[in-house]
């Protein structure tokens, strides 16, 4: 009887909760530590380095193109006709209905003529503004009497281009027979074929 009792007591003690805490299956699990956030210094050490870029260069200032006459070769000579304009000067005041003198020099003109056109900037029209072709002296100097710019064309302060034109046979044929002077200004939307501007100067309508 005592043996049975002893075995029973031992069995009860083994079944008590405290006994399971000592078993291998009751090992406490410690939560893993959270990964620590990297310090700012660490980030600075491993951050990719960026190469500084220089600012793009500024675009160069745009300059207005300078007008140059087209190259024209004198027939039979193979040399370019060159005209230099000495009068009037850039910005000169030109009376609206008074004759004025246009002067300069020319080289390699050949058999062509020099004629005077006035280009009205506001109207965008070309006006034949002389009394016909003039002779060129042996040194290439020329002087052409030009008609006024026309009292009905605009107002004081308006700009015009006085243009010296090389007139070849085609141009001369187109201009032949036109009435000139006495406030007659044959006008064109474009220069006739064979009429090529060799020099020009900007003048202003107004009394000196």
N, C-alpha and C. Protein backbone atom coordinates (compact mmCIF):
# COMPACT_ATOMS: atom_id res chain seq x y z
N UNK A 1 0.83 -1.20 0.00
CA UNK A 1 0.00 0.00 0.00
C UNK A 1 0.85 1.23 0.00
N UNK A 2 1.89 1.20 0.74
CA UNK A 2 2.77 2.37 0.83
C UNK A 2 3.50 2.61 -0.46
N UNK A 3 3.77 1.53 -1.16
CA UNK A 3 4.46 1.71 -2.47
C UNK A 3 3.56 2.37 -3.46
N UNK A 4 2.32 1.97 -3.53
CA UNK A 4 1.34 2.55 -4.46
C UNK A 4 1.13 4.01 -4.15
N UNK A 5 1.08 4.32 -2.89
CA UNK A 5 0.85 5.70 -2.47
C UNK A 5 2.02 6.56 -2.89
N UNK A 6 3.22 6.04 -2.72
CA UNK A 6 4.42 6.81 -3.07
C UNK A 6 4.45 7.10 -4.55
N UNK A 7 4.12 6.13 -5.41
CA UNK A 7 4.10 6.32 -6.87
C UNK A 7 3.07 7.34 -7.26
N UNK A 8 1.92 7.32 -6.64
CA UNK A 8 0.85 8.27 -6.96
C UNK A 8 1.25 9.68 -6.64
N UNK A 9 1.89 9.87 -5.48
CA UNK A 9 2.32 11.22 -5.09
C UNK A 9 3.34 11.74 -6.05
N UNK A 10 4.24 10.86 -6.48
CA UNK A 10 5.28 11.29 -7.43
C UNK A 10 4.67 11.67 -8.76
N UNK A 11 3.64 10.94 -9.17
CA UNK A 11 2.97 11.28 -10.44
C UNK A 11 2.29 12.62 -10.35
N UNK A 12 1.65 12.94 -9.26
CA UNK A 12 0.96 14.21 -9.10
C UNK A 12 1.96 15.37 -9.12
N UNK A 13 3.12 15.14 -8.45
CA UNK A 13 4.12 16.20 -8.44
C UNK A 13 4.65 16.48 -9.85
N UNK A 14 4.79 15.47 -10.64
CA UNK A 14 5.29 15.63 -12.02
C UNK A 14 4.30 16.38 -12.90
N UNK A 15 3.01 16.22 -12.62
CA UNK A 15 1.98 16.86 -13.43
C UNK A 15 1.74 18.29 -13.04
N UNK A 16 2.28 18.82 -12.00
CA UNK A 16 2.06 20.22 -11.56
C UNK A 16 2.72 21.17 -12.55
N UNK A 17 2.13 22.39 -12.73
CA UNK A 17 2.65 23.35 -13.73
C UNK A 17 4.08 23.73 -13.52
N UNK A 18 4.52 23.86 -12.32
CA UNK A 18 5.89 24.28 -12.07
C UNK A 18 6.91 23.36 -12.67
N UNK A 19 6.57 22.17 -12.86
CA UNK A 19 7.51 21.20 -13.39
C UNK A 19 7.75 21.44 -14.88
N UNK A 20 6.71 21.86 -15.61
CA UNK A 20 6.89 22.10 -17.05
C UNK A 20 7.82 23.25 -17.31
N UNK A 21 7.93 24.27 -16.42
CA UNK A 21 8.79 25.42 -16.63
C UNK A 21 10.24 25.02 -16.70
N UNK A 22 10.54 23.83 -16.13
CA UNK A 22 11.92 23.41 -16.12
C UNK A 22 12.25 22.56 -17.33
N UNK A 23 11.24 22.20 -18.15
CA UNK A 23 11.47 21.32 -19.28
C UNK A 23 12.14 22.04 -20.44
N UNK A 24 12.69 21.27 -21.37
CA UNK A 24 13.39 21.87 -22.52
C UNK A 24 12.44 22.61 -23.45
N UNK A 25 11.15 22.25 -23.51
CA UNK A 25 10.22 22.91 -24.41
C UNK A 25 9.75 24.25 -23.89
N UNK A 26 10.04 24.60 -22.64
CA UNK A 26 9.56 25.85 -22.06
C UNK A 26 10.62 26.93 -22.10
N UNK A 27 11.62 26.77 -22.94
CA UNK A 27 12.68 27.79 -23.02
C UNK A 27 12.11 29.11 -23.51
N UNK A 28 12.33 30.21 -22.79
CA UNK A 28 11.78 31.52 -23.15
C UNK A 28 12.45 32.04 -24.43
N UNK A 29 11.65 32.60 -25.31
CA UNK A 29 12.17 33.18 -26.55
C UNK A 29 12.35 34.69 -26.38
N UNK A 30 13.56 35.14 -26.51
CA UNK A 30 13.86 36.58 -26.38
C UNK A 30 13.68 37.23 -27.73
N UNK A 31 12.81 38.25 -27.82
CA UNK A 31 12.61 38.90 -29.14
C UNK A 31 13.91 39.49 -29.63
N UNK A 32 14.11 39.29 -30.94
CA UNK A 32 15.35 39.83 -31.55
C UNK A 32 15.34 41.35 -31.51
N UNK A 33 16.50 41.90 -31.29
CA UNK A 33 16.61 43.36 -31.20
C UNK A 33 16.38 43.99 -32.55
N UNK A 34 15.66 45.14 -32.60
CA UNK A 34 15.40 45.85 -33.86
C UNK A 34 16.70 46.43 -34.38
N UNK A 35 16.84 46.35 -35.68
CA UNK A 35 18.10 46.91 -36.23
C UNK A 35 18.15 48.40 -35.95
N UNK A 36 19.29 48.81 -35.48
CA UNK A 36 19.43 50.22 -35.15
C UNK A 36 19.51 51.05 -36.43
N UNK A 37 18.91 52.25 -36.39
CA UNK A 37 18.94 53.16 -37.56
C UNK A 37 20.34 53.69 -37.74
N UNK A 38 20.79 53.76 -38.97
CA UNK A 38 22.16 54.28 -39.18
C UNK A 38 22.23 55.73 -38.79
N UNK A 39 23.33 56.12 -38.26
CA UNK A 39 23.51 57.50 -37.83
C UNK A 39 23.68 58.39 -39.04
N UNK A 40 23.49 59.68 -38.84
CA UNK A 40 23.66 60.65 -39.92
C UNK A 40 25.08 60.63 -40.44
N UNK A 41 26.04 60.38 -39.52
CA UNK A 41 27.42 60.35 -39.97
C UNK A 41 27.65 59.17 -40.89
N UNK A 42 26.98 58.05 -40.58
CA UNK A 42 27.14 56.88 -41.43
C UNK A 42 26.55 57.11 -42.80
N UNK A 43 25.38 57.76 -42.81
CA UNK A 43 24.78 58.06 -44.11
C UNK A 43 25.68 58.96 -44.92
N UNK A 44 26.29 59.92 -44.25
CA UNK A 44 27.14 60.86 -44.96
C UNK A 44 28.34 60.13 -45.56
N UNK A 45 28.83 59.08 -44.82
CA UNK A 45 30.00 58.37 -45.31
C UNK A 45 29.68 57.54 -46.54
N UNK A 46 28.46 56.95 -46.57
CA UNK A 46 28.12 56.01 -47.65
C UNK A 46 27.25 56.64 -48.73
N UNK A 47 26.81 57.89 -48.53
CA UNK A 47 25.95 58.51 -49.54
C UNK A 47 26.74 58.72 -50.82
N UNK A 48 26.10 58.47 -51.98
CA UNK A 48 26.82 58.68 -53.25
C UNK A 48 27.17 60.15 -53.42
N UNK A 49 28.37 60.37 -53.85
CA UNK A 49 28.81 61.75 -54.05
C UNK A 49 28.40 62.21 -55.44
N UNK A 50 27.84 63.43 -55.52
CA UNK A 50 27.41 63.98 -56.80
C UNK A 50 28.43 64.98 -57.29
N UNK A 51 28.75 64.87 -58.57
CA UNK A 51 29.71 65.79 -59.17
C UNK A 51 29.02 67.09 -59.52
N UNK A 52 29.47 68.22 -59.00
CA UNK A 52 28.80 69.48 -59.33
C UNK A 52 28.91 69.78 -60.81
N UNK A 53 27.82 70.23 -61.36
CA UNK A 53 27.80 70.58 -62.78
C UNK A 53 27.81 72.08 -62.93
N UNK A 54 28.56 72.54 -63.89
CA UNK A 54 28.63 73.98 -64.13
C UNK A 54 27.40 74.44 -64.90
N UNK A 55 26.98 75.68 -64.69
CA UNK A 55 25.82 76.23 -65.39
C UNK A 55 26.13 76.34 -66.87
N UNK A 56 25.12 76.08 -67.74
CA UNK A 56 25.37 76.18 -69.18
C UNK A 56 25.75 77.59 -69.56
N UNK A 57 26.65 77.72 -70.52
CA UNK A 57 27.09 79.09 -70.90
C UNK A 57 25.93 79.86 -71.50
N UNK A 58 25.94 81.15 -71.26
CA UNK A 58 24.90 82.01 -71.81
C UNK A 58 25.04 82.10 -73.31
N UNK A 59 23.88 82.16 -73.98
CA UNK A 59 23.91 82.28 -75.43
C UNK A 59 24.50 83.62 -75.80
N UNK A 60 25.32 83.65 -76.85
CA UNK A 60 25.92 84.94 -77.24
C UNK A 60 24.85 85.91 -77.71
N UNK A 61 25.12 87.16 -77.50
CA UNK A 61 24.16 88.19 -77.89
C UNK A 61 23.97 88.18 -79.39
N UNK A 62 22.71 88.17 -79.80
CA UNK A 62 22.41 88.14 -81.22
C UNK A 62 22.59 89.52 -81.82
N UNK A 63 23.37 89.57 -82.88
CA UNK A 63 23.61 90.83 -83.56
C UNK A 63 22.86 90.85 -84.87
N UNK A 64 22.34 92.01 -85.20
CA UNK A 64 21.64 92.15 -86.46
C UNK A 64 22.63 92.04 -87.61
N UNK A 65 22.24 91.33 -88.68
CA UNK A 65 23.17 91.19 -89.80
C UNK A 65 23.40 92.52 -90.50
N UNK A 66 24.63 92.72 -90.97
CA UNK A 66 24.97 93.91 -91.71
C UNK A 66 24.62 93.71 -93.17
N UNK A 67 23.92 94.70 -93.76
CA UNK A 67 23.53 94.58 -95.15
C UNK A 67 24.74 94.70 -96.04
N UNK A 68 24.87 93.80 -96.99
CA UNK A 68 25.92 93.87 -98.00
C UNK A 68 25.29 93.64 -99.37
N UNK A 69 25.73 94.40 -100.36
CA UNK A 69 25.15 94.22 -101.70
C UNK A 69 25.55 92.87 -102.28
N UNK A 70 24.69 92.27 -103.08
CA UNK A 70 25.06 91.00 -103.71
C UNK A 70 26.19 91.21 -104.71
N UNK A 71 27.01 90.19 -104.87
CA UNK A 71 28.13 90.29 -105.81
C UNK A 71 27.59 90.27 -107.24
N UNK A 72 28.02 91.23 -108.04
CA UNK A 72 27.63 91.30 -109.44
C UNK A 72 28.88 91.48 -110.28
N UNK A 73 29.12 90.58 -111.19
CA UNK A 73 30.28 90.67 -112.06
C UNK A 73 29.94 91.47 -113.30
N UNK A 74 30.85 92.37 -113.66
CA UNK A 74 30.66 93.15 -114.88
C UNK A 74 30.85 92.24 -116.09
N UNK A 75 29.92 92.30 -117.07
CA UNK A 75 30.02 91.42 -118.24
C UNK A 75 31.36 91.59 -118.96
N UNK A 76 32.00 90.47 -119.28
CA UNK A 76 33.23 90.49 -120.05
C UNK A 76 34.46 90.83 -119.24
N UNK A 77 34.32 91.19 -117.98
CA UNK A 77 35.48 91.57 -117.18
C UNK A 77 35.76 90.57 -116.06
N UNK A 78 34.73 89.87 -115.60
CA UNK A 78 34.92 88.91 -114.52
C UNK A 78 35.22 89.55 -113.18
N UNK A 79 34.99 90.86 -113.05
CA UNK A 79 35.24 91.56 -111.80
C UNK A 79 33.93 92.08 -111.22
N UNK A 80 33.89 92.14 -109.91
CA UNK A 80 32.66 92.52 -109.22
C UNK A 80 32.48 94.04 -109.28
N UNK A 81 31.25 94.46 -109.61
CA UNK A 81 30.93 95.88 -109.59
C UNK A 81 30.85 96.35 -108.14
N UNK A 82 31.63 97.37 -107.82
CA UNK A 82 31.67 97.90 -106.45
C UNK A 82 31.28 99.37 -106.48
N UNK A 83 30.31 99.74 -105.64
CA UNK A 83 29.84 101.13 -105.56
C UNK A 83 30.06 101.64 -104.15
N UNK A 84 30.64 102.81 -104.05
CA UNK A 84 30.79 103.48 -102.75
C UNK A 84 29.92 104.73 -102.75
N UNK A 85 29.13 104.87 -101.72
CA UNK A 85 28.22 106.01 -101.58
C UNK A 85 28.81 106.99 -100.58
N UNK A 86 29.00 108.24 -101.03
CA UNK A 86 29.58 109.26 -100.15
C UNK A 86 28.58 110.34 -99.74
N UNK A 87 27.48 110.44 -100.45
CA UNK A 87 26.46 111.45 -100.12
C UNK A 87 25.11 110.96 -100.64
N UNK A 88 24.06 111.05 -99.83
CA UNK A 88 23.94 111.58 -98.46
C UNK A 88 24.53 110.63 -97.43
N UNK A 89 24.64 111.15 -96.21
CA UNK A 89 25.16 110.34 -95.11
C UNK A 89 24.00 109.66 -94.39
N UNK A 90 24.33 108.63 -93.64
CA UNK A 90 23.31 107.90 -92.89
C UNK A 90 22.59 108.83 -91.92
N UNK A 91 21.25 108.83 -91.97
CA UNK A 91 20.44 109.63 -91.06
C UNK A 91 20.20 111.05 -91.51
N UNK A 92 20.69 111.44 -92.70
CA UNK A 92 20.45 112.80 -93.20
C UNK A 92 18.96 113.07 -93.38
N UNK A 93 18.58 114.32 -93.14
CA UNK A 93 17.20 114.74 -93.40
C UNK A 93 17.06 115.09 -94.88
N UNK A 94 15.99 114.57 -95.50
CA UNK A 94 15.72 114.82 -96.91
C UNK A 94 14.35 115.47 -97.02
N UNK A 95 14.31 116.64 -97.66
CA UNK A 95 13.04 117.33 -97.84
C UNK A 95 12.13 116.47 -98.71
N UNK A 96 10.86 116.47 -98.37
CA UNK A 96 9.91 115.57 -99.03
C UNK A 96 9.79 115.80 -100.53
N UNK A 97 9.90 117.03 -100.98
CA UNK A 97 9.64 117.30 -102.40
C UNK A 97 10.73 118.20 -103.00
N UNK A 98 11.94 117.98 -102.58
CA UNK A 98 13.06 118.80 -103.08
C UNK A 98 14.16 117.88 -103.60
N UNK A 99 14.71 118.24 -104.75
CA UNK A 99 15.80 117.45 -105.31
C UNK A 99 17.00 117.41 -104.37
N UNK A 100 17.73 116.33 -104.40
CA UNK A 100 18.96 116.24 -103.62
C UNK A 100 19.99 115.47 -104.44
N UNK A 101 21.25 115.63 -104.08
CA UNK A 101 22.35 115.05 -104.85
C UNK A 101 22.84 113.77 -104.18
N UNK A 102 23.05 112.75 -105.02
CA UNK A 102 23.62 111.48 -104.56
C UNK A 102 24.96 111.33 -105.25
N UNK A 103 26.02 111.08 -104.49
CA UNK A 103 27.37 111.02 -105.04
C UNK A 103 28.11 109.79 -104.53
N UNK A 104 29.14 109.43 -105.30
CA UNK A 104 29.98 108.32 -104.87
C UNK A 104 30.97 107.94 -105.95
N UNK A 105 31.49 106.74 -105.85
CA UNK A 105 32.42 106.20 -106.84
C UNK A 105 31.98 104.80 -107.22
N UNK A 106 32.45 104.34 -108.38
CA UNK A 106 32.09 103.01 -108.85
C UNK A 106 33.30 102.41 -109.58
N UNK A 107 33.43 101.08 -109.45
CA UNK A 107 34.47 100.34 -110.18
C UNK A 107 33.81 99.15 -110.88
N UNK A 108 34.32 98.88 -112.06
CA UNK A 108 33.88 97.70 -112.82
C UNK A 108 32.38 97.74 -113.14
N UNK A 109 31.91 98.89 -113.57
CA UNK A 109 30.49 99.01 -113.92
C UNK A 109 30.18 98.36 -115.27
N UNK A 110 31.17 98.30 -116.12
CA UNK A 110 30.93 97.74 -117.45
C UNK A 110 30.04 98.65 -118.28
N UNK A 111 29.10 98.08 -119.02
CA UNK A 111 28.19 98.86 -119.86
C UNK A 111 26.89 99.20 -119.15
N UNK A 112 26.79 98.91 -117.87
CA UNK A 112 25.56 99.15 -117.12
C UNK A 112 25.44 100.62 -116.72
N UNK A 113 24.26 101.00 -116.26
CA UNK A 113 23.99 102.35 -115.75
C UNK A 113 23.84 102.30 -114.24
N UNK A 114 23.98 103.48 -113.64
CA UNK A 114 23.61 103.65 -112.23
C UNK A 114 22.32 104.42 -112.17
N UNK A 115 21.37 103.91 -111.37
CA UNK A 115 20.08 104.59 -111.19
C UNK A 115 19.79 104.72 -109.70
N UNK A 116 18.89 105.64 -109.36
CA UNK A 116 18.53 105.89 -107.96
C UNK A 116 17.10 105.44 -107.70
N UNK A 117 16.94 104.56 -106.72
CA UNK A 117 15.63 104.18 -106.22
C UNK A 117 15.52 104.64 -104.77
N UNK A 118 14.30 104.92 -104.34
CA UNK A 118 14.02 105.18 -102.93
C UNK A 118 13.05 104.11 -102.44
N UNK A 119 13.46 103.43 -101.41
CA UNK A 119 12.60 102.39 -100.81
C UNK A 119 11.90 102.98 -99.60
N UNK A 120 10.56 103.03 -99.67
CA UNK A 120 9.76 103.54 -98.55
C UNK A 120 9.54 102.40 -97.56
N UNK A 121 10.13 102.53 -96.37
CA UNK A 121 10.09 101.45 -95.39
C UNK A 121 8.66 101.17 -94.94
N UNK A 122 7.88 102.23 -94.69
CA UNK A 122 6.50 102.03 -94.22
C UNK A 122 5.62 101.39 -95.30
N UNK A 123 5.79 101.80 -96.53
CA UNK A 123 4.96 101.29 -97.63
C UNK A 123 5.50 100.00 -98.24
N UNK A 124 6.78 99.73 -98.02
CA UNK A 124 7.43 98.58 -98.63
C UNK A 124 7.30 98.64 -100.15
N UNK A 125 7.62 99.79 -100.69
CA UNK A 125 7.57 100.01 -102.14
C UNK A 125 8.87 100.66 -102.59
N UNK A 126 9.24 100.36 -103.84
CA UNK A 126 10.43 100.95 -104.45
C UNK A 126 9.98 102.01 -105.45
N UNK A 127 10.62 103.18 -105.39
CA UNK A 127 10.27 104.29 -106.28
C UNK A 127 11.52 104.70 -107.07
N UNK A 128 11.39 104.75 -108.39
CA UNK A 128 12.47 105.26 -109.22
C UNK A 128 12.51 106.77 -109.03
N UNK A 129 13.65 107.30 -108.59
CA UNK A 129 13.69 108.68 -108.10
C UNK A 129 14.88 109.43 -108.68
N UNK A 130 15.04 109.39 -110.03
CA UNK A 130 16.06 110.21 -110.68
C UNK A 130 15.50 110.71 -112.01
N UNK A 131 16.35 111.41 -112.76
CA UNK A 131 15.93 111.95 -114.05
C UNK A 131 16.56 111.19 -115.21
N UNK A 132 17.10 110.03 -114.92
CA UNK A 132 17.75 109.23 -115.94
C UNK A 132 19.20 108.95 -115.58
N UNK A 133 19.85 108.08 -116.35
CA UNK A 133 21.26 107.74 -116.06
C UNK A 133 22.18 108.92 -116.28
N UNK A 134 23.26 108.96 -115.52
CA UNK A 134 24.27 110.02 -115.61
C UNK A 134 25.60 109.41 -116.04
N UNK A 135 26.45 110.24 -116.62
CA UNK A 135 27.77 109.78 -117.05
C UNK A 135 28.68 109.56 -115.84
N UNK A 136 29.59 108.62 -116.00
CA UNK A 136 30.60 108.32 -114.97
C UNK A 136 31.94 108.83 -115.49
N UNK A 137 32.68 109.58 -114.67
CA UNK A 137 33.95 110.11 -115.18
C UNK A 137 35.01 109.01 -115.18
N UNK A 138 36.17 109.34 -115.74
CA UNK A 138 37.22 108.33 -115.95
C UNK A 138 37.78 107.78 -114.64
N UNK A 139 37.60 108.50 -113.55
CA UNK A 139 38.08 108.03 -112.24
C UNK A 139 37.00 107.25 -111.48
N UNK A 140 35.85 107.06 -112.11
CA UNK A 140 34.78 106.31 -111.47
C UNK A 140 33.90 107.14 -110.56
N UNK A 141 34.11 108.46 -110.54
CA UNK A 141 33.24 109.31 -109.71
C UNK A 141 31.93 109.58 -110.44
N UNK A 142 30.86 109.65 -109.68
CA UNK A 142 29.55 109.93 -110.27
C UNK A 142 28.75 110.83 -109.34
N UNK A 143 27.84 111.56 -109.93
CA UNK A 143 26.92 112.44 -109.19
C UNK A 143 25.59 112.42 -109.91
N UNK A 144 24.53 112.05 -109.20
CA UNK A 144 23.20 111.91 -109.79
C UNK A 144 22.23 112.82 -109.05
N UNK A 145 21.48 113.60 -109.80
CA UNK A 145 20.45 114.44 -109.20
C UNK A 145 19.21 113.59 -108.99
N UNK A 146 18.79 113.49 -107.75
CA UNK A 146 17.63 112.66 -107.41
C UNK A 146 16.43 113.54 -107.09
N UNK A 147 15.27 113.05 -107.48
CA UNK A 147 14.04 113.75 -107.13
C UNK A 147 13.77 113.62 -105.64
N UNK A 148 12.87 114.43 -105.13
CA UNK A 148 12.49 114.31 -103.72
C UNK A 148 11.80 112.99 -103.44
N UNK A 149 11.52 112.74 -102.20
CA UNK A 149 10.91 111.47 -101.81
C UNK A 149 9.40 111.49 -101.92
N UNK A 150 8.82 112.63 -102.35
CA UNK A 150 7.38 112.67 -102.60
C UNK A 150 6.60 113.17 -101.42
N UNK A 151 5.94 114.30 -101.57
CA UNK A 151 5.25 114.90 -100.43
C UNK A 151 4.05 114.08 -99.97
N UNK A 152 3.52 113.23 -100.83
CA UNK A 152 2.34 112.46 -100.43
C UNK A 152 2.70 111.09 -99.87
N UNK A 153 3.97 110.77 -99.75
CA UNK A 153 4.35 109.42 -99.37
C UNK A 153 4.26 109.16 -97.88
N UNK A 154 4.54 110.15 -97.05
CA UNK A 154 4.57 109.90 -95.61
C UNK A 154 4.60 111.18 -94.82
N UNK A 155 5.16 111.10 -93.63
CA UNK A 155 5.21 112.24 -92.72
C UNK A 155 6.64 112.45 -92.25
N UNK A 156 6.87 113.63 -91.65
CA UNK A 156 8.18 113.92 -91.09
C UNK A 156 8.57 112.83 -90.09
N UNK A 157 9.81 112.41 -90.20
CA UNK A 157 10.30 111.36 -89.31
C UNK A 157 10.27 109.98 -89.93
N UNK A 158 9.60 109.81 -91.07
CA UNK A 158 9.57 108.50 -91.73
C UNK A 158 10.93 108.17 -92.32
N UNK A 159 11.26 106.89 -92.32
CA UNK A 159 12.57 106.43 -92.81
C UNK A 159 12.45 105.92 -94.24
N UNK A 160 13.51 106.15 -95.01
CA UNK A 160 13.61 105.69 -96.39
C UNK A 160 15.02 105.18 -96.63
N UNK A 161 15.15 104.34 -97.65
CA UNK A 161 16.46 103.88 -98.09
C UNK A 161 16.73 104.45 -99.47
N UNK A 162 17.77 105.27 -99.59
CA UNK A 162 18.23 105.72 -100.90
C UNK A 162 19.14 104.63 -101.45
N UNK A 163 18.77 104.04 -102.59
CA UNK A 163 19.46 102.88 -103.13
C UNK A 163 20.10 103.21 -104.47
N UNK A 164 21.38 102.89 -104.62
CA UNK A 164 22.08 103.04 -105.89
C UNK A 164 22.03 101.68 -106.57
N UNK A 165 21.43 101.67 -107.75
CA UNK A 165 21.13 100.42 -108.44
C UNK A 165 21.97 100.29 -109.70
N UNK A 166 22.57 99.14 -109.90
CA UNK A 166 23.23 98.82 -111.16
C UNK A 166 22.19 98.28 -112.12
N UNK A 167 21.99 98.99 -113.23
CA UNK A 167 20.96 98.63 -114.21
C UNK A 167 21.60 98.02 -115.45
N UNK A 168 21.44 96.72 -115.63
CA UNK A 168 21.96 96.07 -116.84
C UNK A 168 20.95 96.23 -117.97
N UNK A 169 21.18 95.56 -119.09
CA UNK A 169 20.31 95.72 -120.25
C UNK A 169 18.86 95.37 -119.93
N UNK A 170 18.64 94.32 -119.15
CA UNK A 170 17.27 93.93 -118.79
C UNK A 170 16.59 95.01 -117.97
N UNK A 171 17.31 95.54 -116.98
CA UNK A 171 16.76 96.60 -116.13
C UNK A 171 16.50 97.86 -116.95
N UNK A 172 17.43 98.23 -117.82
CA UNK A 172 17.25 99.43 -118.63
C UNK A 172 16.02 99.31 -119.52
N UNK A 173 15.80 98.14 -120.07
CA UNK A 173 14.62 97.94 -120.90
C UNK A 173 13.33 98.13 -120.11
N UNK A 174 13.35 97.71 -118.84
CA UNK A 174 12.14 97.86 -118.00
C UNK A 174 11.91 99.31 -117.61
N UNK A 175 12.96 100.09 -117.45
CA UNK A 175 12.82 101.48 -117.01
C UNK A 175 12.68 102.45 -118.17
N UNK A 176 13.00 102.00 -119.36
CA UNK A 176 12.98 102.90 -120.50
C UNK A 176 11.55 103.41 -120.76
N UNK A 177 11.44 104.72 -120.98
CA UNK A 177 10.15 105.32 -121.33
C UNK A 177 9.28 105.70 -120.15
N UNK A 178 9.73 105.45 -118.93
CA UNK A 178 8.93 105.83 -117.76
C UNK A 178 9.01 107.34 -117.55
N UNK A 179 7.92 107.95 -117.17
CA UNK A 179 7.89 109.39 -116.93
C UNK A 179 8.53 109.69 -115.58
N UNK A 180 9.46 110.63 -115.60
CA UNK A 180 10.23 110.92 -114.39
C UNK A 180 10.14 112.40 -114.06
N UNK A 181 10.36 112.72 -112.78
CA UNK A 181 10.35 114.12 -112.35
C UNK A 181 8.94 114.67 -112.25
N UNK A 182 8.86 115.94 -111.79
CA UNK A 182 7.56 116.61 -111.63
C UNK A 182 6.59 115.75 -110.82
N UNK A 183 7.09 115.23 -109.73
CA UNK A 183 6.29 114.40 -108.82
C UNK A 183 5.82 113.09 -109.44
N UNK A 184 6.53 112.63 -110.44
CA UNK A 184 6.25 111.30 -111.00
C UNK A 184 7.28 110.33 -110.42
N UNK A 185 6.80 109.34 -109.73
CA UNK A 185 7.67 108.35 -109.09
C UNK A 185 7.18 106.96 -109.49
N UNK A 186 7.70 106.40 -110.58
CA UNK A 186 7.31 105.02 -110.93
C UNK A 186 7.60 104.09 -109.77
N UNK A 187 6.61 103.30 -109.40
CA UNK A 187 6.76 102.45 -108.20
C UNK A 187 6.69 100.99 -108.56
N UNK A 188 7.34 100.19 -107.69
CA UNK A 188 7.44 98.75 -107.90
C UNK A 188 7.32 98.05 -106.55
N UNK A 189 6.70 96.89 -106.56
CA UNK A 189 6.64 96.09 -105.32
C UNK A 189 7.97 95.38 -105.08
N UNK A 190 8.67 95.04 -106.15
CA UNK A 190 10.03 94.48 -106.10
C UNK A 190 10.84 95.16 -107.19
N UNK A 191 12.14 95.17 -107.05
CA UNK A 191 12.97 95.75 -108.10
C UNK A 191 12.86 94.92 -109.38
N UNK A 192 12.78 95.58 -110.52
CA UNK A 192 12.70 94.83 -111.80
C UNK A 192 13.94 93.94 -111.99
N UNK A 193 13.78 92.91 -112.80
CA UNK A 193 14.90 92.03 -113.12
C UNK A 193 16.04 92.84 -113.71
N UNK A 194 17.24 92.49 -113.31
CA UNK A 194 18.42 93.18 -113.82
C UNK A 194 18.78 94.44 -113.05
N UNK A 195 17.94 94.85 -112.11
CA UNK A 195 18.23 96.02 -111.27
C UNK A 195 18.71 95.51 -109.92
N UNK A 196 19.97 95.73 -109.62
CA UNK A 196 20.54 95.20 -108.39
C UNK A 196 21.13 96.32 -107.55
N UNK A 197 20.74 96.34 -106.27
CA UNK A 197 21.22 97.37 -105.34
C UNK A 197 22.71 97.13 -105.07
N UNK A 198 23.50 98.18 -105.27
CA UNK A 198 24.94 98.09 -105.03
C UNK A 198 25.37 98.85 -103.78
N UNK A 199 24.56 99.82 -103.34
CA UNK A 199 24.83 100.55 -102.10
C UNK A 199 23.53 101.21 -101.67
N UNK A 200 23.41 101.50 -100.39
CA UNK A 200 22.21 102.17 -99.89
C UNK A 200 22.52 102.91 -98.60
N UNK A 201 21.68 103.89 -98.30
CA UNK A 201 21.85 104.68 -97.09
C UNK A 201 20.46 105.05 -96.57
N UNK A 202 20.34 105.10 -95.26
CA UNK A 202 19.06 105.41 -94.62
C UNK A 202 18.95 106.92 -94.43
N UNK A 203 17.83 107.49 -94.89
CA UNK A 203 17.57 108.93 -94.70
C UNK A 203 16.22 109.09 -94.03
N UNK A 204 15.98 110.29 -93.51
CA UNK A 204 14.77 110.59 -92.77
C UNK A 204 14.04 111.75 -93.45
N UNK A 205 12.74 111.64 -93.58
CA UNK A 205 11.96 112.71 -94.16
C UNK A 205 11.88 113.88 -93.17
N UNK A 206 12.18 115.09 -93.66
CA UNK A 206 12.11 116.28 -92.81
C UNK A 206 12.97 117.39 -93.37
N UNK A 207 12.69 118.61 -92.96
CA UNK A 207 13.45 119.78 -93.41
C UNK A 207 14.71 119.93 -92.58
N UNK A 208 15.79 120.33 -93.23
CA UNK A 208 17.06 120.52 -92.53
C UNK A 208 17.00 121.81 -91.70
